[in-house]
Amino acid sequence: MWRAMAAGGALRRALGSSRLRGGGAAHAEKSEWESIKEWWGPGDREPCGRLFNETPPPPGQRRKWEDWEFPYYTAWTIAIIMLTVGLSSKPDTRIDHWARRQAIIRMRKEGFVEPEFLDKLENDLKRH
């Protein structure tokens, strides 16, 4: 198995990697940017070093939003607000808190512990 893999590597080196990709002499003359453009599809602008390849607006003017930006930002803002409010006001469903509440109710009914201690336990539960 290892011999077959080594033979495949030797064959690749002998043929040259550019021939296997369909390149050749013409491929070697292209710039790096041209070969990237061919890989990702036709582009309409050369890279200029600006964020998202946008030209800045003239002085005194603001950048105009594209069609997708307002609904995108609005949806994310609403989602974050809903998650913040919803998760902060969700009911307490932890089993240990339920068991503690049930124990407090039973102890209060049977009179095992003085009421001040039970009030302190209930206040601890409300804080968590």
N, C-alpha and C. Protein backbone atom coordinates (compact mmCIF):
# COMPACT_ATOMS: atom_id res chain seq x y z
N MET A 1 0.82 -1.19 0.00
CA MET A 1 0.00 0.00 0.00
C MET A 1 0.87 1.25 0.00
N TRP A 2 1.91 1.23 0.83
CA TRP A 2 2.78 2.40 0.90
C TRP A 2 3.52 2.61 -0.42
N ARG A 3 3.85 1.51 -1.07
CA ARG A 3 4.56 1.63 -2.34
C ARG A 3 3.67 2.28 -3.39
N ALA A 4 2.38 1.94 -3.37
CA ALA A 4 1.46 2.53 -4.33
C ALA A 4 1.32 4.04 -4.08
N MET A 5 1.26 4.42 -2.82
CA MET A 5 1.15 5.85 -2.50
C MET A 5 2.42 6.59 -2.90
N ALA A 6 3.57 5.99 -2.67
CA ALA A 6 4.82 6.61 -3.05
C ALA A 6 4.93 6.73 -4.56
N ALA A 7 4.45 5.71 -5.27
CA ALA A 7 4.49 5.75 -6.73
C ALA A 7 3.57 6.86 -7.25
N GLY A 8 2.41 7.03 -6.63
CA GLY A 8 1.49 8.10 -7.03
C GLY A 8 2.11 9.47 -6.81
N GLY A 9 2.82 9.65 -5.71
CA GLY A 9 3.49 10.92 -5.44
C GLY A 9 4.60 11.18 -6.44
N ALA A 10 5.35 10.13 -6.78
CA ALA A 10 6.43 10.28 -7.76
C ALA A 10 5.86 10.64 -9.13
N LEU A 11 4.72 10.03 -9.48
CA LEU A 11 4.09 10.32 -10.77
C LEU A 11 3.62 11.77 -10.82
N ARG A 12 3.03 12.24 -9.72
CA ARG A 12 2.59 13.63 -9.67
C ARG A 12 3.75 14.60 -9.83
N ARG A 13 4.85 14.31 -9.15
CA ARG A 13 6.01 15.19 -9.26
C ARG A 13 6.59 15.17 -10.66
N ALA A 14 6.58 13.99 -11.29
CA ALA A 14 7.15 13.87 -12.63
C ALA A 14 6.32 14.64 -13.66
N LEU A 15 5.00 14.57 -13.54
CA LEU A 15 4.15 15.25 -14.50
C LEU A 15 4.03 16.75 -14.22
N GLY A 16 4.26 17.14 -13.01
CA GLY A 16 4.12 18.55 -12.64
C GLY A 16 2.68 18.83 -12.23
N SER A 17 2.51 19.54 -11.15
CA SER A 17 1.17 19.75 -10.62
C SER A 17 0.33 20.66 -11.51
N SER A 18 0.96 21.56 -12.28
CA SER A 18 0.16 22.47 -13.10
C SER A 18 -0.49 21.73 -14.27
N ARG A 19 0.15 20.69 -14.80
CA ARG A 19 -0.47 19.94 -15.89
C ARG A 19 -1.68 19.17 -15.41
N LEU A 20 -1.61 18.64 -14.20
CA LEU A 20 -2.74 17.89 -13.67
C LEU A 20 -3.95 18.78 -13.45
N ARG A 21 -3.75 20.04 -13.15
CA ARG A 21 -4.86 20.95 -12.93
C ARG A 21 -5.36 21.56 -14.23
N GLY A 22 -4.78 21.21 -15.34
CA GLY A 22 -5.23 21.78 -16.61
C GLY A 22 -4.48 23.05 -16.97
N GLY A 23 -3.42 23.32 -16.26
CA GLY A 23 -2.65 24.53 -16.54
C GLY A 23 -1.61 24.26 -17.58
N GLY A 24 -0.51 24.87 -17.47
CA GLY A 24 0.59 24.67 -18.41
C GLY A 24 1.40 25.94 -18.44
N ALA A 25 1.98 26.24 -19.60
CA ALA A 25 2.81 27.43 -19.72
C ALA A 25 1.98 28.69 -19.56
N ALA A 26 0.76 28.70 -20.09
CA ALA A 26 -0.08 29.90 -19.96
C ALA A 26 -0.47 30.15 -18.51
N HIS A 27 -0.66 29.06 -17.76
CA HIS A 27 -1.05 29.21 -16.36
C HIS A 27 0.09 29.82 -15.53
N ALA A 28 1.31 29.47 -15.85
CA ALA A 28 2.44 29.96 -15.08
C ALA A 28 2.66 31.46 -15.30
N GLU A 29 2.21 32.01 -16.42
CA GLU A 29 2.41 33.43 -16.70
C GLU A 29 1.38 34.32 -16.01
N LYS A 30 0.28 33.77 -15.55
CA LYS A 30 -0.77 34.56 -14.93
C LYS A 30 -0.35 35.01 -13.54
N SER A 31 -0.86 36.16 -13.13
CA SER A 31 -0.57 36.64 -11.79
C SER A 31 -1.37 35.83 -10.78
N GLU A 32 -1.02 36.01 -9.52
CA GLU A 32 -1.73 35.28 -8.47
C GLU A 32 -3.20 35.67 -8.43
N TRP A 33 -3.48 36.96 -8.62
CA TRP A 33 -4.85 37.44 -8.58
C TRP A 33 -5.68 36.86 -9.73
N GLU A 34 -5.10 36.75 -10.90
CA GLU A 34 -5.82 36.18 -12.04
C GLU A 34 -6.19 34.73 -11.77
N SER A 35 -5.28 33.96 -11.18
CA SER A 35 -5.60 32.56 -10.92
C SER A 35 -6.67 32.44 -9.83
N ILE A 36 -6.69 33.35 -8.87
CA ILE A 36 -7.74 33.34 -7.84
C ILE A 36 -9.07 33.71 -8.47
N LYS A 37 -9.07 34.71 -9.36
CA LYS A 37 -10.31 35.10 -10.01
C LYS A 37 -10.90 33.95 -10.81
N GLU A 38 -10.05 33.19 -11.49
CA GLU A 38 -10.55 32.05 -12.25
C GLU A 38 -11.16 31.01 -11.32
N TRP A 39 -10.57 30.81 -10.18
CA TRP A 39 -11.06 29.80 -9.26
C TRP A 39 -12.42 30.17 -8.69
N TRP A 40 -12.61 31.40 -8.24
CA TRP A 40 -13.85 31.83 -7.59
C TRP A 40 -14.88 32.36 -8.57
N GLY A 41 -14.56 32.49 -9.81
CA GLY A 41 -15.52 32.99 -10.78
C GLY A 41 -15.13 34.39 -11.22
N PRO A 42 -15.84 34.89 -12.21
CA PRO A 42 -15.47 36.20 -12.73
C PRO A 42 -15.78 37.30 -11.71
N GLY A 43 -14.84 38.19 -11.54
CA GLY A 43 -15.04 39.33 -10.66
C GLY A 43 -15.13 40.60 -11.48
N ASP A 44 -15.70 41.64 -10.89
CA ASP A 44 -15.85 42.87 -11.65
C ASP A 44 -14.89 43.96 -11.20
N ARG A 45 -14.17 43.73 -10.10
CA ARG A 45 -13.24 44.75 -9.62
C ARG A 45 -11.93 44.10 -9.18
N GLU A 46 -10.88 44.83 -9.34
CA GLU A 46 -9.59 44.41 -8.81
C GLU A 46 -9.57 44.76 -7.32
N PRO A 47 -8.79 44.07 -6.51
CA PRO A 47 -8.73 44.42 -5.09
C PRO A 47 -8.09 45.79 -4.91
N CYS A 48 -8.68 46.59 -4.00
CA CYS A 48 -8.16 47.94 -3.80
C CYS A 48 -7.68 48.17 -2.37
N GLY A 49 -7.83 47.18 -1.49
CA GLY A 49 -7.34 47.33 -0.13
C GLY A 49 -8.34 47.95 0.82
N ARG A 50 -9.57 48.20 0.38
CA ARG A 50 -10.62 48.75 1.25
C ARG A 50 -11.53 47.63 1.72
N LEU A 51 -12.18 47.86 2.85
CA LEU A 51 -13.09 46.87 3.40
C LEU A 51 -14.23 46.59 2.44
N PHE A 52 -14.47 45.35 2.13
CA PHE A 52 -15.49 44.89 1.19
C PHE A 52 -15.33 45.48 -0.19
N ASN A 53 -14.17 46.03 -0.51
CA ASN A 53 -13.85 46.57 -1.82
C ASN A 53 -14.79 47.72 -2.21
N GLU A 54 -15.31 48.45 -1.21
CA GLU A 54 -16.21 49.57 -1.48
C GLU A 54 -15.40 50.87 -1.56
N THR A 55 -15.81 51.73 -2.44
CA THR A 55 -15.19 53.05 -2.48
C THR A 55 -15.90 53.92 -1.46
N PRO A 56 -15.17 54.72 -0.71
CA PRO A 56 -15.82 55.55 0.31
C PRO A 56 -16.66 56.65 -0.36
N PRO A 57 -17.74 57.08 0.31
CA PRO A 57 -18.56 58.14 -0.27
C PRO A 57 -17.81 59.47 -0.26
N PRO A 58 -18.25 60.43 -1.07
CA PRO A 58 -17.60 61.74 -1.07
C PRO A 58 -17.72 62.40 0.31
N PRO A 59 -16.84 63.32 0.63
CA PRO A 59 -16.90 63.97 1.94
C PRO A 59 -18.24 64.67 2.14
N GLY A 60 -18.79 64.51 3.35
CA GLY A 60 -20.07 65.13 3.69
C GLY A 60 -21.27 64.26 3.36
N GLN A 61 -21.07 63.13 2.75
CA GLN A 61 -22.19 62.23 2.43
C GLN A 61 -22.03 60.93 3.20
N ARG A 62 -23.19 60.31 3.48
CA ARG A 62 -23.17 59.03 4.19
C ARG A 62 -23.25 57.88 3.19
N ARG A 63 -22.80 56.74 3.61
CA ARG A 63 -22.89 55.56 2.78
C ARG A 63 -24.34 55.10 2.71
N LYS A 64 -24.82 54.78 1.52
CA LYS A 64 -26.19 54.34 1.35
C LYS A 64 -26.27 52.84 1.64
N TRP A 65 -27.29 52.45 2.43
CA TRP A 65 -27.46 51.04 2.77
C TRP A 65 -27.94 50.25 1.56
N GLU A 66 -27.53 48.99 1.50
CA GLU A 66 -28.03 48.10 0.45
C GLU A 66 -29.38 47.54 0.89
N ASP A 67 -30.06 46.84 -0.04
CA ASP A 67 -31.42 46.36 0.21
C ASP A 67 -31.51 45.41 1.40
N TRP A 68 -30.52 44.60 1.61
CA TRP A 68 -30.60 43.56 2.63
C TRP A 68 -30.23 44.06 4.02
N GLU A 69 -29.60 45.21 4.13
CA GLU A 69 -29.04 45.63 5.42
C GLU A 69 -30.09 45.97 6.47
N PHE A 70 -31.12 46.73 6.12
CA PHE A 70 -32.12 47.14 7.12
C PHE A 70 -32.86 45.93 7.70
N PRO A 71 -33.43 45.03 6.87
CA PRO A 71 -34.10 43.88 7.49
C PRO A 71 -33.15 42.97 8.27
N TYR A 72 -31.92 42.86 7.82
CA TYR A 72 -30.95 42.01 8.52
C TYR A 72 -30.66 42.56 9.91
N TYR A 73 -30.32 43.83 10.00
CA TYR A 73 -30.01 44.44 11.30
C TYR A 73 -31.24 44.48 12.20
N THR A 74 -32.41 44.75 11.60
CA THR A 74 -33.64 44.78 12.39
C THR A 74 -33.95 43.41 12.97
N ALA A 75 -33.84 42.36 12.16
CA ALA A 75 -34.13 41.01 12.64
C ALA A 75 -33.18 40.60 13.75
N TRP A 76 -31.89 40.91 13.61
CA TRP A 76 -30.94 40.55 14.67
C TRP A 76 -31.20 41.34 15.95
N THR A 77 -31.56 42.61 15.83
CA THR A 77 -31.86 43.41 17.02
C THR A 77 -33.07 42.85 17.76
N ILE A 78 -34.13 42.53 17.01
CA ILE A 78 -35.33 41.98 17.64
C ILE A 78 -35.02 40.62 18.28
N ALA A 79 -34.25 39.80 17.60
CA ALA A 79 -33.91 38.48 18.15
C ALA A 79 -33.12 38.61 19.45
N ILE A 80 -32.18 39.53 19.50
CA ILE A 80 -31.37 39.71 20.71
C ILE A 80 -32.23 40.23 21.86
N ILE A 81 -33.14 41.17 21.57
CA ILE A 81 -34.03 41.69 22.61
C ILE A 81 -34.94 40.58 23.12
N MET A 82 -35.52 39.79 22.21
CA MET A 82 -36.41 38.71 22.63
C MET A 82 -35.67 37.67 23.46
N LEU A 83 -34.47 37.31 23.06
CA LEU A 83 -33.71 36.33 23.84
C LEU A 83 -33.33 36.88 25.22
N THR A 84 -32.94 38.14 25.27
CA THR A 84 -32.55 38.74 26.54
C THR A 84 -33.73 38.76 27.51
N VAL A 85 -34.87 39.25 27.03
CA VAL A 85 -36.05 39.34 27.90
C VAL A 85 -36.57 37.94 28.21
N GLY A 86 -36.65 37.08 27.21
CA GLY A 86 -37.20 35.75 27.42
C GLY A 86 -36.37 34.89 28.35
N LEU A 87 -35.06 34.91 28.17
CA LEU A 87 -34.22 34.08 29.02
C LEU A 87 -34.08 34.63 30.44
N SER A 88 -34.20 35.94 30.59
CA SER A 88 -34.08 36.48 31.95
C SER A 88 -35.38 36.31 32.74
N SER A 89 -36.52 36.07 32.06
CA SER A 89 -37.78 35.93 32.79
C SER A 89 -38.35 34.52 32.68
N LYS A 90 -37.55 33.55 32.32
CA LYS A 90 -38.06 32.19 32.22
C LYS A 90 -38.32 31.63 33.61
N PRO A 91 -39.26 30.70 33.72
CA PRO A 91 -39.55 30.13 35.04
C PRO A 91 -38.41 29.25 35.54
N ASP A 92 -38.33 29.17 36.85
CA ASP A 92 -37.30 28.33 37.46
C ASP A 92 -37.79 26.90 37.49
N THR A 93 -37.17 26.03 36.71
CA THR A 93 -37.63 24.64 36.62
C THR A 93 -36.57 23.66 37.11
N ARG A 94 -35.63 24.13 37.91
CA ARG A 94 -34.60 23.22 38.40
C ARG A 94 -35.18 22.31 39.49
N ILE A 95 -34.77 21.05 39.42
CA ILE A 95 -35.34 20.05 40.32
C ILE A 95 -34.96 20.32 41.77
N ASP A 96 -33.77 20.81 42.02
CA ASP A 96 -33.37 21.05 43.41
C ASP A 96 -34.15 22.21 44.03
N HIS A 97 -34.49 23.22 43.24
CA HIS A 97 -35.31 24.31 43.78
C HIS A 97 -36.73 23.84 44.05
N TRP A 98 -37.27 23.00 43.17
CA TRP A 98 -38.60 22.46 43.40
C TRP A 98 -38.62 21.63 44.68
N ALA A 99 -37.58 20.79 44.86
CA ALA A 99 -37.53 19.94 46.05
C ALA A 99 -37.40 20.78 47.31
N ARG A 100 -36.63 21.84 47.25
CA ARG A 100 -36.48 22.71 48.43
C ARG A 100 -37.81 23.38 48.77
N ARG A 101 -38.54 23.82 47.76
CA ARG A 101 -39.85 24.45 48.01
C ARG A 101 -40.82 23.44 48.64
N GLN A 102 -40.81 22.22 48.12
CA GLN A 102 -41.67 21.19 48.68
C GLN A 102 -41.29 20.88 50.12
N ALA A 103 -40.00 20.85 50.41
CA ALA A 103 -39.55 20.59 51.78
C ALA A 103 -39.98 21.72 52.71
N ILE A 104 -39.90 22.96 52.24
CA ILE A 104 -40.32 24.09 53.07
C ILE A 104 -41.81 24.01 53.36
N ILE A 105 -42.59 23.65 52.33
CA ILE A 105 -44.04 23.55 52.53
C ILE A 105 -44.37 22.46 53.56
N ARG A 106 -43.70 21.30 53.44
CA ARG A 106 -43.95 20.21 54.38
C ARG A 106 -43.50 20.56 55.79
N MET A 107 -42.33 21.20 55.91
CA MET A 107 -41.85 21.57 57.24
C MET A 107 -42.76 22.60 57.89
N ARG A 108 -43.31 23.50 57.09
CA ARG A 108 -44.21 24.52 57.62
C ARG A 108 -45.50 23.84 58.11
N LYS A 109 -46.02 22.87 57.35
CA LYS A 109 -47.24 22.18 57.75
C LYS A 109 -47.04 21.39 59.04
N GLU A 110 -45.91 20.71 59.17
CA GLU A 110 -45.67 19.84 60.31
C GLU A 110 -45.05 20.56 61.49
N GLY A 111 -44.57 21.80 61.29
CA GLY A 111 -44.04 22.60 62.38
C GLY A 111 -42.69 22.14 62.89
N PHE A 112 -41.85 21.57 62.03
CA PHE A 112 -40.53 21.10 62.46
C PHE A 112 -39.56 22.23 62.78
N VAL A 113 -39.63 23.32 62.04
CA VAL A 113 -38.63 24.37 62.16
C VAL A 113 -39.36 25.69 62.40
N GLU A 114 -38.69 26.61 63.10
CA GLU A 114 -39.34 27.89 63.38
C GLU A 114 -39.52 28.70 62.08
N PRO A 115 -40.53 29.52 62.00
CA PRO A 115 -40.89 30.24 60.76
C PRO A 115 -39.81 31.19 60.25
N GLU A 116 -38.99 31.77 61.14
CA GLU A 116 -37.95 32.69 60.69
C GLU A 116 -36.93 31.98 59.79
N PHE A 117 -36.60 30.75 60.15
CA PHE A 117 -35.65 29.98 59.35
C PHE A 117 -36.25 29.64 57.98
N LEU A 118 -37.54 29.28 57.96
CA LEU A 118 -38.21 28.98 56.70
C LEU A 118 -38.31 30.23 55.82
N ASP A 119 -38.56 31.38 56.43
CA ASP A 119 -38.60 32.63 55.66
C ASP A 119 -37.23 32.91 55.03
N LYS A 120 -36.17 32.64 55.78
CA LYS A 120 -34.83 32.85 55.23
C LYS A 120 -34.57 31.92 54.03
N LEU A 121 -35.01 30.65 54.13
CA LEU A 121 -34.86 29.71 53.02
C LEU A 121 -35.63 30.17 51.79
N GLU A 122 -36.86 30.66 52.00
CA GLU A 122 -37.66 31.14 50.86
C GLU A 122 -37.01 32.35 50.20
N ASN A 123 -36.45 33.25 50.99
CA ASN A 123 -35.76 34.42 50.41
C ASN A 123 -34.53 33.99 49.60
N ASP A 124 -33.82 32.97 50.09
CA ASP A 124 -32.68 32.44 49.33
C ASP A 124 -33.14 31.89 47.99
N LEU A 125 -34.28 31.21 47.98
CA LEU A 125 -34.80 30.67 46.74
C LEU A 125 -35.18 31.78 45.76
N LYS A 126 -35.74 32.84 46.26
CA LYS A 126 -36.16 33.95 45.38
C LYS A 126 -34.97 34.65 44.74
N ARG A 127 -33.84 34.68 45.45
CA ARG A 127 -32.66 35.34 44.89
C ARG A 127 -32.07 34.55 43.74
N HIS A 128 -32.19 33.23 43.76
CA HIS A 128 -31.60 32.39 42.71
C HIS A 128 -32.57 32.28 41.64
